[in-house]
């Protein structure tokens, strides 16, 4: 994912389907090229590279 798209998703109130390694996440914070994400399926949080995030509907139909 591009940094600009991650910013759009973070600032938009609408839900976006964002994934990290096939797990659904929500973006909590952006710092440089790192995104702090929370996993939808549990309470885990992780700092990941923004380029490793993707929107499922764009790449996996």
Protein backbone atom coordinates (compact mmCIF):
# COMPACT_ATOMS: atom_id res chain seq x y z
CA UNK A 1 0.00 0.00 0.00
CA UNK A 2 1.16 3.52 -0.66
CA UNK A 3 1.57 5.97 2.24
CA UNK A 4 -0.94 8.34 0.62
CA UNK A 5 -3.60 5.61 0.47
CA UNK A 6 -2.96 4.66 4.10
CA UNK A 7 -3.49 8.32 5.06
CA UNK A 8 -6.78 8.38 3.13
CA UNK A 9 -8.01 5.27 4.93
CA UNK A 10 -6.95 6.58 8.34
CA UNK A 11 -8.72 9.91 7.85
CA UNK A 12 -11.85 8.44 6.26
CA UNK A 13 -14.73 7.43 8.54
CA UNK A 14 -15.90 4.72 6.13
CA UNK A 15 -14.74 1.16 6.69
CA UNK A 16 -12.00 -0.10 4.39
CA UNK A 17 -10.97 -3.74 4.16
CA UNK A 18 -7.25 -3.61 4.91
CA UNK A 19 -5.12 -6.72 5.38
CA UNK A 20 -1.69 -7.71 6.61
CA UNK A 21 -0.57 -11.27 5.78
CA UNK A 22 -4.16 -12.39 5.07
CA UNK A 23 -5.42 -11.00 8.42
CA UNK A 24 -7.86 -8.12 8.60
CA UNK A 25 -6.50 -5.05 10.39
CA UNK A 26 -7.38 -1.45 11.06
CA UNK A 27 -4.82 1.32 10.81
CA UNK A 28 -4.41 3.12 14.12
CA UNK A 29 -1.47 5.42 13.42
CA UNK A 30 1.08 6.27 10.72
CA UNK A 31 4.69 7.30 11.33
CA UNK A 32 6.95 7.68 8.29
CA UNK A 33 6.65 4.30 6.53
CA UNK A 34 5.38 2.38 9.57
CA UNK A 35 1.73 1.73 10.39
CA UNK A 36 0.53 0.74 13.82
CA UNK A 37 -2.28 -1.72 13.16
CA UNK A 38 -4.77 -3.59 15.27
CA UNK A 39 -5.94 -7.03 14.23
CA UNK A 40 -9.69 -7.45 13.83
CA UNK A 41 -9.71 -11.06 15.10
CA UNK A 42 -8.07 -10.32 18.49
CA UNK A 43 -6.55 -7.56 20.61
CA UNK A 44 -3.08 -7.83 19.09
CA UNK A 45 -1.35 -4.67 17.83
CA UNK A 46 1.76 -4.53 15.68
CA UNK A 47 3.97 -2.02 13.87
CA UNK A 48 4.28 -3.01 10.21
CA UNK A 49 5.67 -1.49 7.05
CA UNK A 50 2.94 0.34 5.13
CA UNK A 51 3.99 -1.37 1.89
CA UNK A 52 3.01 -4.72 3.46
CA UNK A 53 -0.62 -3.65 3.85
CA UNK A 54 -3.15 -4.20 1.08
CA UNK A 55 -6.82 -3.89 0.33
CA UNK A 56 -8.23 -7.35 -0.26
CA UNK A 57 -10.69 -6.36 -2.98
CA UNK A 58 -7.95 -4.80 -5.12
CA UNK A 59 -5.67 -7.82 -5.32
CA UNK A 60 -7.64 -10.92 -4.32
CA UNK A 61 -11.02 -11.17 -6.05
